[in-house]
């Protein structure tokens, strides 16, 4: 899996998960959605993405499939 795809999947999962938690658990979970959105916004301008660094350290994007695409 490409690193960019993994970041999008992670961000989408965080947004949907926090919205579900805000609906069923406690409204303050909406702040996680705000954090994810703000992080995506700033990374578009600065190129700095903490999730990218974490996923790289976990080995995402270093598989066989990436060399062939």
N, C-alpha and C. Protein backbone atom coordinates (compact mmCIF):
# COMPACT_ATOMS: atom_id res chain seq x y z
N UNK A 1 0.84 -1.17 0.00
CA UNK A 1 0.00 0.00 0.00
C UNK A 1 0.89 1.23 0.00
N UNK A 2 0.50 2.20 -0.78
CA UNK A 2 1.25 3.45 -0.82
C UNK A 2 1.01 4.24 0.45
N UNK A 3 2.00 5.03 0.82
CA UNK A 3 1.93 5.84 2.03
C UNK A 3 0.78 6.84 1.96
N UNK A 4 0.59 7.47 0.82
CA UNK A 4 -0.50 8.46 0.68
C UNK A 4 -1.86 7.82 0.88
N UNK A 5 -2.04 6.62 0.35
CA UNK A 5 -3.30 5.91 0.53
C UNK A 5 -3.52 5.58 2.00
N UNK A 6 -2.48 5.16 2.68
CA UNK A 6 -2.59 4.82 4.09
C UNK A 6 -2.96 6.05 4.93
N UNK A 7 -2.41 7.20 4.58
CA UNK A 7 -2.73 8.43 5.31
C UNK A 7 -4.19 8.80 5.10
N UNK A 8 -4.67 8.68 3.88
CA UNK A 8 -6.08 8.99 3.60
C UNK A 8 -7.01 8.03 4.33
N UNK A 9 -6.66 6.76 4.34
CA UNK A 9 -7.47 5.76 5.05
C UNK A 9 -7.48 6.07 6.55
N UNK A 10 -6.31 6.39 7.11
CA UNK A 10 -6.23 6.70 8.53
C UNK A 10 -7.05 7.95 8.86
N UNK A 11 -6.93 9.00 8.06
CA UNK A 11 -7.68 10.23 8.32
C UNK A 11 -9.18 9.99 8.21
N UNK A 12 -9.60 9.27 7.19
CA UNK A 12 -11.02 8.98 7.04
C UNK A 12 -11.57 8.14 8.18
N UNK A 13 -10.80 7.18 8.64
CA UNK A 13 -11.21 6.35 9.76
C UNK A 13 -11.31 7.17 11.04
N UNK A 14 -10.37 8.06 11.25
CA UNK A 14 -10.40 8.91 12.44
C UNK A 14 -11.61 9.84 12.42
N UNK A 15 -11.91 10.42 11.27
CA UNK A 15 -13.06 11.32 11.17
C UNK A 15 -14.37 10.57 11.40
N UNK A 16 -14.54 9.46 10.71
CA UNK A 16 -15.79 8.70 10.87
C UNK A 16 -15.92 8.13 12.28
N UNK A 17 -14.81 7.66 12.83
CA UNK A 17 -14.85 7.13 14.20
C UNK A 17 -15.18 8.19 15.23
N UNK A 18 -14.58 9.37 15.09
CA UNK A 18 -14.86 10.43 16.05
C UNK A 18 -16.28 10.96 15.91
N UNK A 19 -16.81 10.98 14.70
CA UNK A 19 -18.20 11.40 14.53
C UNK A 19 -19.16 10.39 15.15
N UNK A 20 -18.86 9.11 15.01
CA UNK A 20 -19.69 8.09 15.65
C UNK A 20 -19.62 8.20 17.17
N UNK A 21 -18.41 8.40 17.69
CA UNK A 21 -18.26 8.56 19.14
C UNK A 21 -18.96 9.82 19.65
N UNK A 22 -18.90 10.90 18.88
CA UNK A 22 -19.57 12.13 19.27
C UNK A 22 -21.08 11.94 19.29
N UNK A 23 -21.58 11.12 18.39
CA UNK A 23 -23.03 10.89 18.33
C UNK A 23 -23.50 9.96 19.45
N UNK A 24 -22.76 8.86 19.68
CA UNK A 24 -23.24 7.84 20.61
C UNK A 24 -22.60 7.89 22.00
N UNK A 25 -21.41 8.46 22.14
CA UNK A 25 -20.74 8.43 23.43
C UNK A 25 -20.79 9.79 24.14
N UNK A 26 -20.11 10.77 23.57
CA UNK A 26 -20.05 12.10 24.19
C UNK A 26 -19.74 13.13 23.11
N UNK A 27 -20.43 14.28 23.13
CA UNK A 27 -20.23 15.30 22.08
C UNK A 27 -18.81 15.85 21.97
N UNK A 28 -18.03 15.76 23.02
CA UNK A 28 -16.67 16.30 22.96
C UNK A 28 -15.75 15.53 22.02
N UNK A 29 -16.15 14.35 21.56
CA UNK A 29 -15.34 13.61 20.58
C UNK A 29 -15.26 14.36 19.26
N UNK A 30 -16.11 15.33 19.05
CA UNK A 30 -16.07 16.12 17.81
C UNK A 30 -14.73 16.85 17.68
N UNK A 31 -14.07 17.10 18.81
CA UNK A 31 -12.78 17.79 18.78
C UNK A 31 -11.70 16.96 18.09
N UNK A 32 -11.84 15.64 18.10
CA UNK A 32 -10.90 14.81 17.35
C UNK A 32 -11.07 15.06 15.85
N UNK A 33 -12.30 15.21 15.40
CA UNK A 33 -12.56 15.54 14.00
C UNK A 33 -11.94 16.90 13.65
N UNK A 34 -12.10 17.86 14.54
CA UNK A 34 -11.51 19.18 14.33
C UNK A 34 -9.99 19.08 14.23
N UNK A 35 -9.38 18.29 15.10
CA UNK A 35 -7.93 18.13 15.08
C UNK A 35 -7.45 17.49 13.78
N UNK A 36 -8.14 16.45 13.33
CA UNK A 36 -7.76 15.77 12.09
C UNK A 36 -7.89 16.73 10.91
N UNK A 37 -8.99 17.46 10.85
CA UNK A 37 -9.19 18.42 9.77
C UNK A 37 -8.14 19.53 9.76
N UNK A 38 -7.83 20.06 10.93
CA UNK A 38 -6.81 21.11 11.03
C UNK A 38 -5.44 20.58 10.63
N UNK A 39 -5.15 19.34 11.00
CA UNK A 39 -3.88 18.75 10.64
C UNK A 39 -3.79 18.55 9.12
N UNK A 40 -4.86 18.08 8.51
CA UNK A 40 -4.87 17.94 7.05
C UNK A 40 -4.69 19.29 6.36
N UNK A 41 -5.34 20.31 6.89
CA UNK A 41 -5.25 21.65 6.33
C UNK A 41 -3.83 22.19 6.39
N UNK A 42 -3.20 22.09 7.58
CA UNK A 42 -1.85 22.63 7.71
C UNK A 42 -0.84 21.81 6.91
N UNK A 43 -1.05 20.50 6.81
CA UNK A 43 -0.09 19.68 6.07
C UNK A 43 -0.13 19.98 4.58
N UNK A 44 -1.27 20.46 4.10
CA UNK A 44 -1.36 20.87 2.71
C UNK A 44 -0.47 22.07 2.39
N UNK A 45 -0.28 22.93 3.37
CA UNK A 45 0.55 24.11 3.19
C UNK A 45 2.02 23.88 3.55
N UNK A 46 2.25 23.14 4.64
CA UNK A 46 3.61 23.00 5.13
C UNK A 46 4.31 21.73 4.67
N UNK A 47 3.54 20.70 4.34
CA UNK A 47 4.13 19.43 3.96
C UNK A 47 4.48 18.56 5.16
N UNK A 48 4.26 19.07 6.38
CA UNK A 48 4.55 18.30 7.59
C UNK A 48 3.31 17.54 8.01
N UNK A 49 3.44 16.23 8.14
CA UNK A 49 2.32 15.39 8.54
C UNK A 49 2.81 14.38 9.57
N UNK A 50 2.40 14.51 10.84
CA UNK A 50 2.84 13.57 11.87
C UNK A 50 2.43 12.13 11.55
N UNK A 51 1.26 11.94 10.96
CA UNK A 51 0.82 10.58 10.61
C UNK A 51 1.76 9.94 9.61
N UNK A 52 2.29 10.73 8.69
CA UNK A 52 3.24 10.21 7.71
C UNK A 52 4.50 9.68 8.39
N UNK A 53 5.00 10.43 9.35
CA UNK A 53 6.20 10.00 10.08
C UNK A 53 5.94 8.71 10.85
N UNK A 54 4.78 8.63 11.49
CA UNK A 54 4.45 7.44 12.27
C UNK A 54 4.29 6.23 11.36
N UNK A 55 3.56 6.39 10.26
CA UNK A 55 3.34 5.27 9.34
C UNK A 55 4.64 4.82 8.70
N UNK A 56 5.54 5.73 8.40
CA UNK A 56 6.86 5.35 7.85
C UNK A 56 7.64 4.50 8.83
N UNK A 57 7.61 4.90 10.11
CA UNK A 57 8.32 4.13 11.13
C UNK A 57 7.72 2.75 11.31
N UNK A 58 6.41 2.62 11.01
CA UNK A 58 5.75 1.32 11.10
C UNK A 58 5.98 0.48 9.85
N UNK A 59 6.62 1.06 8.85
CA UNK A 59 6.97 0.30 7.65
C UNK A 59 5.96 0.36 6.53
N UNK A 60 4.99 1.26 6.63
CA UNK A 60 3.99 1.38 5.56
C UNK A 60 4.65 2.03 4.34
N UNK A 61 4.37 1.49 3.17
CA UNK A 61 4.92 2.05 1.95
C UNK A 61 6.23 1.43 1.52
N UNK A 62 6.67 0.38 2.21
CA UNK A 62 7.95 -0.25 1.86
C UNK A 62 7.75 -1.66 1.31
N UNK A 63 6.52 -1.98 0.94
CA UNK A 63 6.23 -3.33 0.46
C UNK A 63 6.63 -3.54 -0.97
N UNK A 64 6.45 -4.77 -1.45
CA UNK A 64 6.77 -5.14 -2.83
C UNK A 64 5.93 -4.39 -3.84
N UNK A 65 4.68 -4.18 -3.55
CA UNK A 65 3.75 -3.57 -4.50
C UNK A 65 4.18 -2.16 -4.91
N UNK A 66 4.88 -1.45 -4.02
CA UNK A 66 5.27 -0.08 -4.34
C UNK A 66 6.33 0.00 -5.42
N UNK A 67 7.18 -1.00 -5.51
CA UNK A 67 8.25 -0.96 -6.52
C UNK A 67 7.72 -1.22 -7.92
N UNK A 68 6.58 -1.84 -8.01
CA UNK A 68 6.05 -2.26 -9.30
C UNK A 68 5.04 -1.28 -9.89
N UNK A 69 4.73 -0.23 -9.20
CA UNK A 69 3.68 0.69 -9.68
C UNK A 69 4.25 1.91 -10.32
